[in-house]
Amino acid sequence: MIVGATLALAGAAQAELGDDGLHVAPWLHDTFRDLREDLAEATANGQRFAVIVEQRGCIYCSRMHEEVWVRPDILQMLEEDFFFVRINMHGSTEVTDFDGEVMEERELTRRWGLLFTPTIYFFPEEVPEGVTGPQAAVVTMPGAFGGWTTFNMLNWVLEHGYQGDEDFQRYHARMFAEQSAAGATD
């Protein structure tokens, strides 16, 4: 199965990798990784704060960077509407969680119970004191998804869909039907 996924990626455009082996993307913000400060900056900019966890060699991260996040409509949202900070699943850079605990990235990902990448946590505009990232997150997007699922997830977060009666699966089905009827889907 890994061979098939690797062969499928062989034909995709190769995204630039940084010295740490992680993808370079214009929508990823390099901060001091104090999540409380990052949330405040995102909110002040009128953007939604999100944390993405990735790791070197992740074929699913590569797929997202090379096929999904580069799609013009998705890229525009990532750059304009969101403030993304990346955590390296095995990294040693210090991160301050929302509850004030300071630890290395790899310790944070263990604390958050992460096993797979990419995983994206979307946060509300305000986070109560004393909670961790997973406790504060309003939505968690685990894994790699296709373009329309990603597009619809980003919009659902922007529209605060998690506060309404329509869960994401129903929202996505409704939106995908509308997008298909308009001839917009792949």
Protein backbone atom coordinates (compact mmCIF):
# COMPACT_ATOMS: atom_id res chain seq x y z
CA MET A 1 0.00 0.00 0.00
CA ILE A 2 2.83 2.42 0.77
CA VAL A 3 4.38 1.64 -2.62
CA GLY A 4 1.10 2.57 -4.38
CA ALA A 5 0.88 5.86 -2.50
CA THR A 6 4.52 6.61 -3.27
CA LEU A 7 4.00 5.88 -6.98
CA ALA A 8 0.92 8.09 -7.02
CA LEU A 9 2.99 10.95 -5.60
CA ALA A 10 5.76 10.44 -8.13
CA GLY A 11 3.66 12.18 -10.78
CA ALA A 12 2.67 15.10 -8.52
CA ALA A 13 4.52 18.39 -8.46
CA GLN A 14 7.30 18.35 -5.91
CA ALA A 15 6.85 20.94 -3.18
CA GLU A 16 9.91 22.65 -1.76
CA LEU A 17 11.29 21.16 1.44
CA GLY A 18 13.05 23.11 4.17
CA ASP A 19 16.22 22.06 5.98
CA ASP A 20 14.05 20.22 8.52
CA GLY A 21 12.51 18.04 5.79
CA LEU A 22 9.12 19.74 6.13
CA HIS A 23 7.35 21.52 3.29
CA VAL A 24 7.72 25.23 2.70
CA ALA A 25 4.41 27.05 2.20
CA PRO A 26 3.60 30.77 2.10
CA TRP A 27 0.67 30.37 4.49
CA LEU A 28 2.69 28.85 7.34
CA HIS A 29 3.70 31.44 9.94
CA ASP A 30 7.04 31.18 11.72
CA THR A 31 6.35 32.36 15.27
CA PHE A 32 7.74 31.85 18.76
CA ARG A 33 5.11 29.09 19.07
CA ASP A 34 3.35 30.53 22.08
CA LEU A 35 -0.13 29.40 21.09
CA ARG A 36 -1.84 32.06 23.20
CA GLU A 37 0.13 34.82 21.44
CA ASP A 38 -0.43 33.22 18.03
CA LEU A 39 -4.17 33.07 18.66
CA ALA A 40 -4.18 36.74 19.70
CA GLU A 41 -2.28 37.73 16.54
CA ALA A 42 -4.61 35.71 14.30
CA THR A 43 -7.70 37.21 15.93
CA ALA A 44 -6.26 40.74 15.67
CA ASN A 45 -5.68 40.09 11.94
CA GLY A 46 -9.29 38.89 11.50
CA GLN A 47 -8.05 35.36 10.78
CA ARG A 48 -8.86 31.95 12.23
CA PHE A 49 -6.00 30.31 14.13
CA ALA A 50 -5.00 26.75 13.25
CA VAL A 51 -2.14 24.46 14.19
CA ILE A 52 -0.96 21.83 11.74
CA VAL A 53 1.19 18.94 12.89
CA GLU A 54 3.46 17.36 10.27
CA GLN A 55 6.54 15.16 10.14
CA ARG A 56 9.47 14.57 7.80
CA GLY A 57 8.78 11.94 5.16
CA CYS A 58 4.99 12.00 5.59
CA ILE A 59 3.52 10.96 2.24
CA TYR A 60 0.12 12.31 3.22
CA CYS A 61 1.61 15.70 4.09
CA SER A 62 3.30 15.68 0.67
CA ARG A 63 0.01 14.91 -1.02
CA MET A 64 -1.70 17.82 0.73
CA HIS A 65 1.14 20.26 -0.05
CA GLU A 66 1.50 19.16 -3.67
CA GLU A 67 -2.11 18.56 -4.70
CA VAL A 68 -4.59 20.16 -2.32
CA TRP A 69 -3.24 23.24 -0.54
CA VAL A 70 -1.89 24.64 -3.82
CA ARG A 71 -5.34 24.72 -5.41
CA PRO A 72 -5.95 28.48 -6.01
CA ASP A 73 -9.25 28.74 -4.10
CA ILE A 74 -7.84 26.81 -1.13
CA LEU A 75 -4.50 28.64 -1.19
CA GLN A 76 -6.32 31.99 -1.14
CA MET A 77 -8.26 30.97 1.98
CA LEU A 78 -5.13 29.65 3.69
CA GLU A 79 -3.29 32.91 3.07
CA GLU A 80 -6.12 35.39 3.74
CA ASP A 81 -8.52 33.79 6.21
CA PHE A 82 -6.31 31.59 8.36
CA PHE A 83 -3.20 31.93 10.51
CA PHE A 84 -1.45 28.55 10.45
CA VAL A 85 1.42 27.56 12.73
CA ARG A 86 3.16 24.25 12.13
CA ILE A 87 4.36 21.85 14.80
CA ASN A 88 6.97 19.26 13.82
CA MET A 89 5.84 15.97 15.35
CA HIS A 90 9.45 15.06 16.17
CA GLY A 91 10.85 18.57 16.55
CA SER A 92 12.72 20.11 19.46
CA THR A 93 11.54 23.72 19.20
CA GLU A 94 9.84 24.92 22.37
CA VAL A 95 6.08 25.44 22.25
CA THR A 96 3.83 27.03 24.85
CA ASP A 97 0.46 25.31 24.99
CA PHE A 98 -2.69 27.31 25.78
CA ASP A 99 -2.45 26.32 29.45
CA GLY A 100 1.04 27.88 29.72
CA GLU A 101 3.00 24.60 29.75
CA VAL A 102 6.27 24.91 27.81
CA MET A 103 7.74 21.84 26.12
CA GLU A 104 9.43 20.67 22.94
CA GLU A 105 7.26 20.00 19.89
CA ARG A 106 7.70 16.23 20.23
CA GLU A 107 6.56 16.38 23.86
CA LEU A 108 3.57 18.49 22.89
CA THR A 109 2.47 16.03 20.23
CA ARG A 110 2.68 13.19 22.76
CA ARG A 111 0.74 15.29 25.25
CA TRP A 112 -1.91 15.92 22.60
CA GLY A 113 -2.06 12.18 21.82
CA LEU A 114 -1.10 12.55 18.16
CA LEU A 115 -0.22 9.50 16.13
CA PHE A 116 -0.73 10.58 12.52
CA THR A 117 0.12 13.47 10.25
CA PRO A 118 -1.05 15.77 8.94
CA THR A 119 -3.45 16.74 11.72
CA ILE A 120 -4.97 20.21 11.86
CA TYR A 121 -6.52 21.80 14.94
CA PHE A 122 -8.83 24.78 14.37
CA PHE A 123 -9.36 27.11 17.32
CA PRO A 124 -12.06 29.56 18.35
CA GLU A 125 -11.33 33.27 18.52
CA GLU A 126 -11.00 33.00 22.32
CA VAL A 127 -9.66 30.11 24.39
CA PRO A 128 -10.38 29.80 28.11
CA GLU A 129 -7.41 29.73 30.48
CA GLY A 130 -6.04 26.42 31.69
CA VAL A 131 -6.94 24.26 28.68
CA THR A 132 -4.69 22.38 26.28
CA GLY A 133 -4.80 22.59 22.50
CA PRO A 134 -7.06 19.57 21.97
CA GLN A 135 -9.42 20.77 24.71
CA ALA A 136 -9.63 24.20 23.08
CA ALA A 137 -9.97 23.05 19.46
CA VAL A 138 -13.39 23.44 17.86
CA VAL A 139 -12.50 21.11 14.98
CA THR A 140 -9.77 18.55 14.37
CA MET A 141 -8.99 17.49 10.80
CA PRO A 142 -7.01 14.25 11.00
CA GLY A 143 -5.21 13.11 7.88
CA ALA A 144 -5.16 13.90 4.19
CA PHE A 145 -8.34 14.72 2.33
CA GLY A 146 -9.27 15.65 -1.20
CA GLY A 147 -9.64 19.19 -2.45
CA TRP A 148 -13.39 19.56 -2.06
CA THR A 149 -13.45 18.08 1.44
CA THR A 150 -10.66 20.46 2.45
CA PHE A 151 -12.31 23.44 0.76
CA ASN A 152 -15.61 22.71 2.47
CA MET A 153 -13.94 22.12 5.85
CA LEU A 154 -12.19 25.49 5.68
CA ASN A 155 -15.47 27.21 4.82
CA TRP A 156 -17.36 25.34 7.54
CA VAL A 157 -14.80 26.55 10.10
CA LEU A 158 -14.99 30.14 8.79
CA GLU A 159 -18.81 29.99 8.97
CA HIS A 160 -18.67 28.62 12.55
CA GLY A 161 -20.53 25.53 11.33
CA TYR A 162 -19.41 23.61 14.42
CA GLN A 163 -21.78 25.82 16.45
CA GLY A 164 -24.83 24.96 14.35
CA ASP A 165 -27.10 21.96 13.92
CA GLU A 166 -25.56 20.78 10.64
CA ASP A 167 -22.51 18.59 11.30
CA PHE A 168 -19.64 18.68 8.84
CA GLN A 169 -20.60 15.47 7.03
CA ARG A 170 -24.06 16.84 6.19
CA TYR A 171 -22.64 20.26 5.31
CA HIS A 172 -20.04 18.69 3.03
CA ALA A 173 -22.62 16.45 1.32
CA ARG A 174 -24.91 19.45 0.71
CA MET A 175 -22.10 21.69 -0.52
CA PHE A 176 -20.56 18.97 -2.69
CA ALA A 177 -23.96 18.34 -4.33
CA GLU A 178 -24.25 22.08 -5.07
CA GLN A 179 -20.68 22.22 -6.34
CA SER A 180 -21.25 19.16 -8.54
CA ALA A 181 -24.49 20.58 -9.97
CA ALA A 182 -22.58 23.76 -10.84
CA GLY A 183 -19.86 21.69 -12.54
CA ALA A 184 -17.25 22.88 -10.04
CA THR A 185 -16.00 19.53 -8.74
CA ASP A 186 -13.13 17.49 -10.15
